[in-house]
Amino acid sequence: MSSLFRRGEKKVPRERLVTLIGKPDCHLCEDAQAVVAKVCGDLGVVWEEKDITQDAELHREYWEQIPVVLVDGAQHTFWRVDEDRLRRALAG
């Protein structure tokens, strides 16, 4: 079978990376952090936080959408993080 028709291999949770982009003193960011920490902790997924006030490029790109959640570098969601949706994204 040609490689064009093969599906990509699924990543296991420990190979995933979730990035939470936010800023200090943001209640939506705090809510998002709680969800990301819980889901990633349950699944064994590595996650990181990035502060738009410390990164001009992130500020330009996301300042109207924070908090923003990236999964493996691709935007997953913004403003509100749905726990079940994030779990599905990381499991699949």
N, C-alpha and C. Protein backbone atom coordinates (compact mmCIF):
# COMPACT_ATOMS: atom_id res chain seq x y z
N MET A 1 0.84 -1.17 0.00
CA MET A 1 0.00 0.00 0.00
C MET A 1 0.89 1.24 0.00
N SER A 2 0.55 2.19 -0.76
CA SER A 2 1.31 3.43 -0.84
C SER A 2 1.26 4.17 0.49
N SER A 3 2.34 4.89 0.80
CA SER A 3 2.38 5.64 2.06
C SER A 3 1.33 6.75 2.07
N LEU A 4 0.85 7.16 0.90
CA LEU A 4 -0.20 8.17 0.85
C LEU A 4 -1.49 7.70 1.48
N PHE A 5 -1.70 6.39 1.48
CA PHE A 5 -2.96 5.85 1.97
C PHE A 5 -2.86 5.28 3.38
N ARG A 6 -1.67 5.28 3.96
CA ARG A 6 -1.52 4.80 5.33
C ARG A 6 -1.88 5.90 6.30
N ARG A 7 -2.58 5.52 7.31
CA ARG A 7 -2.91 6.51 8.34
C ARG A 7 -1.69 6.74 9.22
N GLY A 8 -1.57 7.95 9.72
CA GLY A 8 -0.47 8.25 10.63
C GLY A 8 -0.60 7.45 11.91
N GLU A 9 0.53 7.17 12.50
CA GLU A 9 0.50 6.44 13.77
C GLU A 9 -0.05 7.34 14.86
N LYS A 10 -0.88 6.77 15.71
CA LYS A 10 -1.42 7.53 16.83
C LYS A 10 -0.34 7.71 17.88
N LYS A 11 -0.30 8.89 18.45
CA LYS A 11 0.63 9.15 19.54
C LYS A 11 0.01 8.69 20.83
N VAL A 12 0.81 8.07 21.66
CA VAL A 12 0.34 7.71 23.00
C VAL A 12 0.42 8.96 23.87
N PRO A 13 -0.39 9.03 24.93
CA PRO A 13 -0.43 10.27 25.73
C PRO A 13 0.93 10.79 26.18
N ARG A 14 1.84 9.92 26.56
CA ARG A 14 3.13 10.42 27.06
C ARG A 14 3.98 11.06 25.96
N GLU A 15 3.57 10.90 24.70
CA GLU A 15 4.29 11.53 23.58
C GLU A 15 3.65 12.84 23.16
N ARG A 16 2.57 13.23 23.82
CA ARG A 16 1.84 14.44 23.46
C ARG A 16 2.39 15.63 24.26
N LEU A 17 2.10 16.83 23.79
CA LEU A 17 2.47 18.04 24.50
C LEU A 17 1.30 19.01 24.44
N VAL A 18 0.84 19.44 25.59
CA VAL A 18 -0.21 20.44 25.68
C VAL A 18 0.44 21.75 26.13
N THR A 19 0.12 22.82 25.44
CA THR A 19 0.64 24.14 25.79
C THR A 19 -0.54 25.04 26.13
N LEU A 20 -0.49 25.63 27.30
CA LEU A 20 -1.51 26.58 27.73
C LEU A 20 -0.90 27.97 27.62
N ILE A 21 -1.52 28.81 26.81
CA ILE A 21 -1.04 30.17 26.61
C ILE A 21 -2.00 31.12 27.30
N GLY A 22 -1.47 31.91 28.20
CA GLY A 22 -2.32 32.83 28.96
C GLY A 22 -1.52 34.00 29.48
N LYS A 23 -2.02 34.59 30.56
CA LYS A 23 -1.33 35.72 31.19
C LYS A 23 -1.69 35.73 32.67
N PRO A 24 -0.90 36.41 33.48
CA PRO A 24 -1.20 36.50 34.91
C PRO A 24 -2.51 37.24 35.17
N ASP A 25 -3.13 36.93 36.30
CA ASP A 25 -4.34 37.61 36.75
C ASP A 25 -5.49 37.50 35.75
N CYS A 26 -5.63 36.34 35.14
CA CYS A 26 -6.69 36.08 34.15
C CYS A 26 -7.53 34.92 34.69
N HIS A 27 -8.77 35.20 35.07
CA HIS A 27 -9.58 34.14 35.69
C HIS A 27 -9.88 33.00 34.71
N LEU A 28 -10.05 33.29 33.43
CA LEU A 28 -10.26 32.21 32.46
C LEU A 28 -9.00 31.36 32.32
N CYS A 29 -7.83 31.99 32.43
CA CYS A 29 -6.57 31.25 32.35
C CYS A 29 -6.43 30.32 33.56
N GLU A 30 -6.84 30.79 34.72
CA GLU A 30 -6.79 29.95 35.92
C GLU A 30 -7.73 28.76 35.79
N ASP A 31 -8.92 29.00 35.25
CA ASP A 31 -9.87 27.90 35.02
C ASP A 31 -9.29 26.90 34.03
N ALA A 32 -8.70 27.41 32.95
CA ALA A 32 -8.11 26.53 31.94
C ALA A 32 -6.95 25.73 32.52
N GLN A 33 -6.14 26.37 33.36
CA GLN A 33 -5.01 25.67 33.96
C GLN A 33 -5.49 24.49 34.80
N ALA A 34 -6.58 24.68 35.54
CA ALA A 34 -7.10 23.60 36.38
C ALA A 34 -7.53 22.41 35.52
N VAL A 35 -8.20 22.67 34.41
CA VAL A 35 -8.65 21.60 33.52
C VAL A 35 -7.46 20.91 32.86
N VAL A 36 -6.53 21.69 32.33
CA VAL A 36 -5.36 21.11 31.66
C VAL A 36 -4.55 20.28 32.64
N ALA A 37 -4.32 20.80 33.83
CA ALA A 37 -3.54 20.06 34.84
C ALA A 37 -4.22 18.74 35.20
N LYS A 38 -5.53 18.77 35.36
CA LYS A 38 -6.27 17.56 35.71
C LYS A 38 -6.20 16.52 34.59
N VAL A 39 -6.54 16.93 33.38
CA VAL A 39 -6.58 15.99 32.25
C VAL A 39 -5.18 15.45 31.96
N CYS A 40 -4.20 16.33 31.90
CA CYS A 40 -2.83 15.89 31.60
C CYS A 40 -2.29 15.01 32.72
N GLY A 41 -2.61 15.35 33.96
CA GLY A 41 -2.19 14.52 35.09
C GLY A 41 -2.81 13.13 35.03
N ASP A 42 -4.10 13.08 34.72
CA ASP A 42 -4.79 11.79 34.62
C ASP A 42 -4.22 10.92 33.51
N LEU A 43 -3.86 11.55 32.38
CA LEU A 43 -3.42 10.79 31.21
C LEU A 43 -1.90 10.65 31.09
N GLY A 44 -1.15 11.33 31.95
CA GLY A 44 0.30 11.28 31.88
C GLY A 44 0.87 12.08 30.71
N VAL A 45 0.18 13.16 30.36
CA VAL A 45 0.61 14.01 29.24
C VAL A 45 1.43 15.17 29.78
N VAL A 46 2.51 15.48 29.12
CA VAL A 46 3.34 16.62 29.48
C VAL A 46 2.62 17.90 29.05
N TRP A 47 2.67 18.91 29.93
CA TRP A 47 2.08 20.20 29.56
C TRP A 47 2.97 21.32 30.05
N GLU A 48 2.80 22.47 29.42
CA GLU A 48 3.59 23.65 29.75
C GLU A 48 2.69 24.88 29.68
N GLU A 49 3.15 25.93 30.33
CA GLU A 49 2.44 27.21 30.27
C GLU A 49 3.34 28.24 29.63
N LYS A 50 2.73 29.11 28.82
CA LYS A 50 3.45 30.23 28.22
C LYS A 50 2.66 31.50 28.50
N ASP A 51 3.38 32.56 28.82
CA ASP A 51 2.80 33.84 29.22
C ASP A 51 2.92 34.83 28.07
N ILE A 52 1.78 35.31 27.57
CA ILE A 52 1.83 36.24 26.44
C ILE A 52 2.49 37.57 26.80
N THR A 53 2.56 37.89 28.09
CA THR A 53 3.20 39.15 28.47
C THR A 53 4.73 39.04 28.39
N GLN A 54 5.24 37.83 28.22
CA GLN A 54 6.67 37.61 28.14
C GLN A 54 7.14 37.24 26.73
N ASP A 55 6.21 37.20 25.77
CA ASP A 55 6.56 36.75 24.41
C ASP A 55 5.76 37.57 23.40
N ALA A 56 6.45 38.47 22.69
CA ALA A 56 5.77 39.38 21.77
C ALA A 56 5.04 38.64 20.64
N GLU A 57 5.62 37.57 20.14
CA GLU A 57 4.98 36.82 19.05
C GLU A 57 3.68 36.16 19.53
N LEU A 58 3.73 35.53 20.70
CA LEU A 58 2.51 34.93 21.25
C LEU A 58 1.46 36.00 21.53
N HIS A 59 1.90 37.15 22.03
CA HIS A 59 0.97 38.24 22.31
C HIS A 59 0.26 38.68 21.03
N ARG A 60 1.03 38.88 19.96
CA ARG A 60 0.44 39.29 18.68
C ARG A 60 -0.58 38.26 18.18
N GLU A 61 -0.22 37.01 18.29
CA GLU A 61 -1.06 35.95 17.73
C GLU A 61 -2.31 35.65 18.56
N TYR A 62 -2.19 35.69 19.89
CA TYR A 62 -3.27 35.16 20.72
C TYR A 62 -3.92 36.13 21.70
N TRP A 63 -3.51 37.40 21.75
CA TRP A 63 -3.97 38.27 22.83
C TRP A 63 -5.49 38.38 22.94
N GLU A 64 -6.22 38.23 21.85
CA GLU A 64 -7.68 38.32 21.90
C GLU A 64 -8.35 36.99 22.24
N GLN A 65 -7.59 35.91 22.31
CA GLN A 65 -8.17 34.59 22.49
C GLN A 65 -7.83 33.91 23.80
N ILE A 66 -6.95 34.47 24.61
CA ILE A 66 -6.48 33.73 25.78
C ILE A 66 -7.60 33.40 26.75
N PRO A 67 -7.48 32.30 27.41
CA PRO A 67 -6.42 31.31 27.27
C PRO A 67 -6.59 30.48 26.00
N VAL A 68 -5.46 30.06 25.48
CA VAL A 68 -5.42 29.22 24.28
C VAL A 68 -4.73 27.92 24.66
N VAL A 69 -5.27 26.82 24.16
CA VAL A 69 -4.66 25.52 24.39
C VAL A 69 -4.21 24.96 23.05
N LEU A 70 -2.93 24.58 22.99
CA LEU A 70 -2.37 23.90 21.82
C LEU A 70 -2.14 22.45 22.18
N VAL A 71 -2.39 21.56 21.24
CA VAL A 71 -2.06 20.16 21.40
C VAL A 71 -1.06 19.83 20.30
N ASP A 72 0.14 19.46 20.71
CA ASP A 72 1.22 19.17 19.77
C ASP A 72 1.44 20.33 18.80
N GLY A 73 1.32 21.55 19.31
CA GLY A 73 1.61 22.75 18.52
C GLY A 73 0.45 23.28 17.70
N ALA A 74 -0.66 22.55 17.63
CA ALA A 74 -1.83 23.00 16.86
C ALA A 74 -2.90 23.51 17.83
N GLN A 75 -3.56 24.61 17.46
CA GLN A 75 -4.58 25.17 18.33
C GLN A 75 -5.73 24.19 18.52
N HIS A 76 -6.02 23.91 19.77
CA HIS A 76 -7.11 23.00 20.13
C HIS A 76 -8.37 23.79 20.50
N THR A 77 -8.19 24.83 21.32
CA THR A 77 -9.33 25.62 21.78
C THR A 77 -8.85 26.95 22.33
N PHE A 78 -9.82 27.82 22.64
CA PHE A 78 -9.51 29.07 23.31
C PHE A 78 -10.68 29.47 24.18
N TRP A 79 -10.44 30.39 25.08
CA TRP A 79 -11.37 30.93 26.09
C TRP A 79 -11.76 29.90 27.13
N ARG A 80 -12.49 28.88 26.77
CA ARG A 80 -12.93 27.86 27.74
C ARG A 80 -12.44 26.49 27.29
N VAL A 81 -11.93 25.71 28.23
CA VAL A 81 -11.40 24.38 27.93
C VAL A 81 -12.41 23.34 28.39
N ASP A 82 -12.89 22.54 27.47
CA ASP A 82 -13.83 21.47 27.79
C ASP A 82 -13.03 20.21 28.13
N GLU A 83 -13.20 19.74 29.36
CA GLU A 83 -12.42 18.59 29.83
C GLU A 83 -12.59 17.36 28.94
N ASP A 84 -13.81 17.02 28.60
CA ASP A 84 -14.05 15.82 27.79
C ASP A 84 -13.46 15.95 26.40
N ARG A 85 -13.59 17.12 25.80
CA ARG A 85 -13.03 17.34 24.45
C ARG A 85 -11.51 17.22 24.47
N LEU A 86 -10.87 17.78 25.49
CA LEU A 86 -9.42 17.68 25.60
C LEU A 86 -8.99 16.23 25.80
N ARG A 87 -9.71 15.49 26.63
CA ARG A 87 -9.40 14.06 26.82
C ARG A 87 -9.48 13.30 25.50
N ARG A 88 -10.54 13.55 24.74
CA ARG A 88 -10.70 12.87 23.45
C ARG A 88 -9.56 13.22 22.50
N ALA A 89 -9.18 14.47 22.47
CA ALA A 89 -8.09 14.90 21.58
C ALA A 89 -6.78 14.21 21.95
N LEU A 90 -6.54 14.05 23.23
CA LEU A 90 -5.28 13.43 23.66
C LEU A 90 -5.30 11.93 23.54
N ALA A 91 -6.46 11.34 23.59
CA ALA A 91 -6.58 9.87 23.49
C ALA A 91 -6.55 9.42 22.04
N GLY A 92 -6.97 10.29 21.13
CA GLY A 92 -7.08 9.89 19.73
C GLY A 92 -5.96 10.37 18.94
